Amino acid sequence: MVVSIVENNIDNNEQQKLMLHKTNIKKNMTHKHSNKLRNVFAVSSLFIATSFLATGANALEVSGEFHKGSESKTQGYSFALADTFTKGGNIYWTVGYSSLDKVKVEWNNDELFFNMATVDALVSYRHKIQSYNSFFKNLTIEYKVGASFGLTENKFTWPETPGLEEEVRYFSEESDINPIIGVGAYYKLNRNTSINVGVKYQPSFSEFGAITSAYVGITYRFGRGLDR
C-alpha cells in the first residue's frame, strides 16, 4: 500500500515536471515570436520615419552588408540608410539595423550562444583618396563612431532543483545602449554603386564583452551619384 502511494507520488511529480517543461517551451516560443514581430515593427518604423526625414536628402544612400564575427560561429547581416549633414560635406549620419547569430558568452565555466539584433546610430567622416592611380582614386576611407540600441533580450535560466530556486542570468536586455567604433572603405564601381568593406567593433556589449565583426557589402547612392 505504502509502495503504491510512493509510486503514485513519483508519477505525479514527473507529470508536473513534464507539464512545466512544456509550458516553459510554449512561453519561450511565444516570447521569441513576439520579439521577431517587435523587431520587424521597430525596423519598419525606423526606415519609414527616416524616409520622410530624407525628403530633403543631400546624398541619400542605402547599403547592405554580410558580417563575420571574430568567433568562428558568429555571423550576421546589416542594412542602413546614410546621408551627409550638409550638401557636399564629408560628415555623415547613418541609421541601420544589425543582426548577429551565435554570439558567444562564457559563464559558469561554460560557453553559451545567443542571437542579437540592434538599431545602430552612427556619425562618420569620409576621406576620398587623392591619387592618379586607377585603383586608389576610386577609394574612400570612412571612420565611424556611435551607439547601438538593443532589440533583443538574452538570458539563461537555470531550472529549479531540490534545495535551489530557479535562477535567471541576463546577458543583455532590450534597450541596452552600447558604443560602436569602426573603420571602412568604399570602392566606387560606377556613378551610383560601390563595394564597402570594414570592421565594426563594440568594445563592451552589455555582459558579452567585446564583439568584433568584419563585413563586406554594397552601397547605392540615389540622385547625383558617388562624388565623394
Protein backbone atom coordinates (compact mmCIF):
# COMPACT_ATOMS: atom_id res chain seq x y z
CA MET A 1 0.00 0.00 0.00
CA VAL A 2 2.78 2.42 1.01
CA VAL A 3 4.79 1.46 -2.08
CA SER A 4 1.78 2.18 -4.28
CA ILE A 5 1.32 5.63 -2.73
CA VAL A 6 5.02 6.44 -3.21
CA GLU A 7 4.90 5.32 -6.85
CA ASN A 8 1.81 7.46 -7.46
CA ASN A 9 3.55 10.47 -5.92
CA ILE A 10 6.60 9.92 -8.14
CA ASP A 11 4.37 9.62 -11.21
CA ASN A 12 2.53 12.82 -10.26
CA ASN A 13 5.81 14.67 -9.75
CA GLU A 14 7.10 13.52 -13.13
CA GLN A 15 3.85 14.59 -14.82
CA GLN A 16 4.04 18.01 -13.14
CA LYS A 17 7.64 18.45 -14.30
CA LEU A 18 6.69 17.44 -17.84
CA MET A 19 3.76 19.87 -17.88
CA LEU A 20 6.00 22.65 -16.50
CA HIS A 21 8.63 21.91 -19.16
CA LYS A 22 6.01 22.08 -21.94
CA THR A 23 4.65 25.33 -20.52
CA ASN A 24 8.16 26.86 -20.46
CA ILE A 25 8.73 25.80 -24.08
CA LYS A 26 5.44 27.41 -25.15
CA LYS A 27 6.33 30.61 -23.27
CA ASN A 28 9.78 30.74 -24.89
CA MET A 29 8.30 30.19 -28.37
CA THR A 30 5.71 32.90 -27.78
CA HIS A 31 8.39 35.26 -26.46
CA LYS A 32 10.65 34.64 -29.45
CA HIS A 33 7.75 35.15 -31.87
CA SER A 34 6.74 38.42 -30.19
CA ASN A 35 10.39 39.55 -30.27
CA LYS A 36 10.56 38.93 -34.02
CA LEU A 37 7.33 40.85 -34.63
CA ARG A 38 8.53 43.70 -32.42
CA ASN A 39 11.87 43.84 -34.27
CA VAL A 40 10.15 43.92 -37.66
CA PHE A 41 7.83 46.68 -36.47
CA ALA A 42 10.69 48.70 -34.95
CA VAL A 43 12.87 48.44 -38.05
CA SER A 44 9.98 49.20 -40.42
CA SER A 45 9.00 52.25 -38.37
CA LEU A 46 12.61 53.39 -38.27
CA PHE A 47 13.09 53.31 -42.03
CA ILE A 48 9.68 54.81 -42.78
CA ALA A 49 10.44 57.69 -40.43
CA THR A 50 13.92 58.12 -41.90
CA SER A 51 12.48 58.13 -45.42
CA PHE A 52 10.17 61.02 -44.50
CA LEU A 53 13.07 62.89 -42.93
CA ALA A 54 15.16 62.30 -46.06
CA THR A 55 12.85 64.22 -48.41
CA GLY A 56 15.48 66.95 -48.49
CA ALA A 57 18.38 64.49 -48.64
CA ASN A 58 21.80 65.66 -49.73
CA ALA A 59 23.28 62.31 -50.82
CA LEU A 60 20.98 59.56 -49.56
CA GLU A 61 22.47 56.04 -49.57
CA VAL A 62 21.18 52.57 -48.82
CA SER A 63 23.57 49.72 -48.00
CA GLY A 64 23.60 46.06 -47.03
CA GLU A 65 26.44 44.04 -45.53
CA PHE A 66 27.29 40.49 -44.52
CA HIS A 67 29.17 40.23 -41.20
CA LYS A 68 31.61 37.56 -39.97
CA GLY A 69 32.47 37.67 -36.29
CA SER A 70 35.84 37.06 -34.68
CA GLU A 71 34.34 33.89 -33.17
CA SER A 72 34.06 31.10 -35.75
CA LYS A 73 30.29 30.59 -35.30
CA THR A 74 29.30 34.27 -35.27
CA GLN A 75 27.83 35.75 -38.43
CA GLY A 76 25.04 38.09 -39.44
CA TYR A 77 23.91 40.95 -41.63
CA SER A 78 23.03 44.64 -41.55
CA PHE A 79 21.37 47.26 -43.69
CA ALA A 80 21.36 51.03 -43.30
CA LEU A 81 20.47 54.48 -44.59
CA ALA A 82 23.06 57.26 -44.65
CA ASP A 83 23.38 60.86 -45.76
CA THR A 84 25.58 63.91 -45.29
CA PHE A 85 24.67 66.53 -42.72
CA THR A 86 25.39 69.26 -45.28
CA LYS A 87 25.41 69.29 -49.05
CA GLY A 88 28.84 68.26 -50.33
CA GLY A 89 30.10 67.59 -46.79
CA ASN A 90 32.30 64.76 -45.52
CA ILE A 91 30.42 64.18 -42.23
CA TYR A 92 27.67 61.55 -42.49
CA TRP A 93 24.89 60.22 -40.29
CA THR A 94 23.89 56.56 -40.51
CA VAL A 95 20.87 54.72 -39.09
CA GLY A 96 20.75 50.96 -39.53
CA TYR A 97 19.63 47.54 -38.36
CA SER A 98 22.12 44.82 -37.42
CA SER A 99 21.64 41.15 -36.59
CA LEU A 100 24.27 38.69 -35.35
CA ASP A 101 23.75 34.96 -34.74
CA LYS A 102 25.59 32.69 -32.30
CA VAL A 103 27.40 35.36 -30.29
CA LYS A 104 29.40 33.63 -27.55
CA VAL A 105 29.47 34.47 -23.87
CA GLU A 106 31.34 32.48 -21.23
CA TRP A 107 29.58 31.89 -17.94
CA ASN A 108 29.93 29.38 -15.11
CA ASN A 109 32.73 27.51 -16.94
CA ASP A 110 30.51 27.03 -19.98
CA GLU A 111 30.02 28.62 -23.41
CA LEU A 112 26.59 29.96 -24.29
CA PHE A 113 25.47 31.30 -27.68
CA PHE A 114 22.78 33.89 -28.36
CA ASN A 115 21.34 35.86 -31.26
CA MET A 116 21.14 39.64 -31.04
CA ALA A 117 19.57 42.47 -33.01
CA THR A 118 20.23 46.19 -32.67
CA VAL A 119 19.41 49.56 -34.18
CA ASP A 120 22.64 51.44 -34.82
CA ALA A 121 23.09 55.23 -34.95
CA LEU A 122 26.47 56.46 -36.22
CA VAL A 123 28.35 59.57 -37.23
CA SER A 124 31.25 59.17 -39.65
CA TYR A 125 33.93 61.07 -41.54
CA ARG A 126 34.84 60.05 -45.09
CA HIS A 127 38.13 60.86 -46.75
CA LYS A 128 38.49 60.39 -50.51
CA ILE A 129 41.96 59.22 -51.55
CA GLN A 130 43.62 61.68 -53.93
CA SER A 131 45.68 59.71 -56.42
CA TYR A 132 46.36 59.30 -60.13
CA ASN A 133 46.37 55.52 -59.64
CA SER A 134 43.30 53.95 -61.27
CA PHE A 135 42.57 51.86 -58.16
CA PHE A 136 43.20 54.34 -55.34
CA LYS A 137 41.37 57.25 -56.98
CA ASN A 138 38.11 55.27 -56.57
CA LEU A 139 38.77 54.58 -52.89
CA THR A 140 37.22 56.39 -49.90
CA ILE A 141 38.10 55.70 -46.24
CA GLU A 142 35.48 56.07 -43.50
CA TYR A 143 35.86 56.43 -39.71
CA LYS A 144 32.76 55.77 -37.59
CA VAL A 145 31.58 56.28 -34.03
CA GLY A 146 28.15 55.80 -32.50
CA ALA A 147 25.92 53.56 -30.41
CA SER A 148 23.69 50.53 -30.72
CA PHE A 149 20.25 50.15 -29.14
CA GLY A 150 19.26 46.60 -28.20
CA LEU A 151 16.14 44.97 -29.63
CA THR A 152 16.59 41.53 -28.06
CA GLU A 153 16.72 40.09 -24.57
CA ASN A 154 19.29 37.36 -23.96
CA LYS A 155 19.09 35.35 -20.77
CA PHE A 156 19.79 31.88 -19.43
CA THR A 157 17.51 30.20 -16.92
CA TRP A 158 18.71 27.52 -14.52
CA PRO A 159 15.65 25.38 -13.67
CA GLU A 160 14.54 24.92 -10.10
CA THR A 161 16.13 21.91 -8.39
CA PRO A 162 15.67 20.41 -4.93
CA GLY A 163 17.11 22.89 -2.44
CA LEU A 164 17.77 25.57 -5.07
CA GLU A 165 15.45 28.18 -6.56
CA GLU A 166 15.20 28.97 -10.26
CA GLU A 167 17.94 31.40 -11.29
CA VAL A 168 17.88 33.75 -14.28
CA ARG A 169 21.01 35.39 -15.67
CA TYR A 170 20.60 38.31 -18.10
CA PHE A 171 23.42 38.90 -20.59
CA SER A 172 21.68 41.69 -22.49
CA GLU A 173 18.30 43.37 -22.38
CA GLU A 174 16.10 45.30 -24.75
CA SER A 175 17.04 48.99 -24.98
CA ASP A 176 20.61 48.37 -23.81
CA ILE A 177 22.86 51.10 -25.23
CA ASN A 178 26.42 50.17 -26.20
CA PRO A 179 29.20 52.07 -28.00
CA ILE A 180 30.38 51.33 -31.55
CA ILE A 181 33.54 52.35 -33.39
CA GLY A 182 34.61 51.24 -36.84
CA VAL A 183 36.64 51.85 -39.95
CA GLY A 184 35.68 51.03 -43.51
CA ALA A 185 36.43 51.64 -47.16
CA TYR A 186 34.31 52.24 -50.25
CA TYR A 187 35.43 51.33 -53.75
CA LYS A 188 33.38 53.05 -56.46
CA LEU A 189 32.15 50.69 -59.19
CA ASN A 190 30.12 53.27 -61.11
CA ARG A 191 28.37 56.59 -60.57
CA ASN A 192 25.86 55.23 -58.04
CA THR A 193 27.27 51.96 -56.71
CA SER A 194 30.23 51.00 -54.54
CA ILE A 195 31.56 47.98 -52.67
CA ASN A 196 32.17 48.58 -48.97
CA VAL A 197 34.33 46.60 -46.55
CA GLY A 198 35.33 47.27 -42.97
CA VAL A 199 35.48 46.32 -39.31
CA LYS A 200 32.82 47.02 -36.67
CA TYR A 201 33.99 46.96 -33.05
CA GLN A 202 31.81 47.07 -29.96
CA PRO A 203 34.24 47.32 -27.02
CA SER A 204 31.69 46.47 -24.34
CA PHE A 205 28.38 44.97 -25.40
CA SER A 206 26.33 44.51 -22.20
CA GLU A 207 27.59 41.32 -20.48
CA PHE A 208 29.07 39.84 -23.67
CA GLY A 209 32.23 41.91 -23.57
CA ALA A 210 33.92 42.99 -26.79
CA ILE A 211 32.33 41.99 -30.11
CA THR A 212 34.20 42.41 -33.38
CA SER A 213 32.99 41.66 -36.90
CA ALA A 214 34.38 42.18 -40.38
CA TYR A 215 31.91 43.00 -43.14
CA VAL A 216 31.54 43.27 -46.89
CA GLY A 217 28.60 44.74 -48.72
CA ILE A 218 27.28 47.06 -51.37
CA THR A 219 26.11 50.69 -51.25
CA TYR A 220 23.80 52.50 -53.65
CA ARG A 221 23.52 56.28 -53.70
CA PHE A 222 20.43 57.95 -55.11
CA GLY A 223 20.38 61.09 -57.19
CA ARG A 224 23.65 62.70 -58.21
CA GLY A 225 25.74 59.62 -57.56
CA LEU A 226 29.03 58.96 -55.82
CA ASP A 227 31.11 62.09 -55.88
CA ARG A 228 32.82 61.77 -52.51
